[in-house]
């Protein structure tokens, strides 16, 4: 006996769930079922035999949300594989946790495809204003072409996000309407809409002016915004031209850069021997970070400081202000230094890398650790500071500073509290970076260790001064 459930375009998961429950609870084997979507053809078995009456059965809690996502996938065999895994789950409640299982791996891969498709729809839907004259509630229209059948899964997001207006999202197979607070979906085929309006020219002008060619990463851009979405984005028609002009625009930006450094850079240059005053930190292009950051952040402190403190790189606040050690990690360092008896104002503070490396995430800029090549490229500026200052002791805060100063950035927890020679032969005390305490699972213990390290530095400076 062959069963041939035909699943609707809307309510696909619910229809599959009801049919699968009836079949699985009656121990119908997978080979006796011909799953298909309605409209995909009658198949060899037509509508098949009537489904048996369902019996009671239980499944692992994680199966239902996984099946709801996978049912939206367009790949052949999705419903068959879901049913096979459903049968296997009845005797093995831990099956879904076994990522080495080939069936589970495939379901998780399909579910990941669905989540990615939903993310792209959230990112690339573009609404056009179609509010009728005199209406008391704004109305918007959009066209989108998803890879999978995600309209039902994504509709609650748009309802929450745009609940104060009416809107319609049209896809090739489903039209989703939200009007007067009521959500409705209709399975109807539609051709691509022409949604040009007068605001697009203004938006394209704005987009062209904020496009930064110095930050262009074509592969990353196409990964996040695949070309298939370009035809629905008004700014997309500008992208090929902007890419083609990027190199020339970067060169022009470099030529147009101010020739005189800011006052804070002049003060540092005044401290350096004349033979070392070559190059401009604020125009540095030895690595890509400088093109991303707001400005270079030089060191700060007394010209004759016996102690140099080296961190990793400027943070978000330091990048905007142009001053080192003023963000959360710098403020925590001040507290710990005071607790250890170290006079922070009498020390020269700087960073191994002079620009802020970050990844944009919405309105936030998320810190990214510099690569070894970037640390090495920036070593010239740290070398100049060391040669001019000639401190009695250098404190390396964390792995990046240790890498820049000693050539080795590994095993910081094992090395902390030890004194090692710098590349120039100066004593370097290795300790933690304050951000490790902010992120650590046992901040109280980490803080105590750093206090002990800085107290050791204080004692070393006292001994050196007495000699």
Foldseek 3Di string as FASTA:
>chain_A
DAAEDAAELPCRLVSLVVLLQQCLQVPNDLVRYHYYHPPPDQPPQRRHDDGHDGDDADFAPVLSVLSVQQSFAPDPPSSSLSSVVRNVRRVPNCVLVPCVDPSNVVSVVSSVLSVLLLVLCVVQWDWDWPADPPDPFTETETEDETNTSCCVVNVVVCCVVPVRHWYWYDYQFKIWTAPPNDIDMDGHGDDDDDRDDDCLVVVLVVVLVPDQLLPDDPVVVCVSVPPVSLVRRSNSVCVVVCNVCSVVVVVVCLVPDDPDDDPVQVVVLVLFDPVLNDDGQFSDPLDSQSSVFQTFAFKDADQQQQEEEEEAEAEPVCRVVSYHLPDPLSVVVVVLLVVLVHDPRSYIYGYLAGGFDFDDDPPDTHGDGDDLSRSVSSLSRVVRSCVSRVHQEYEYAAQSSCCSFAVGRPDLVVQALHWDAGPVGHTYHGAHRSVCLVPDPCNVVNSVSRSVSSNVVVVVVVVVVVD
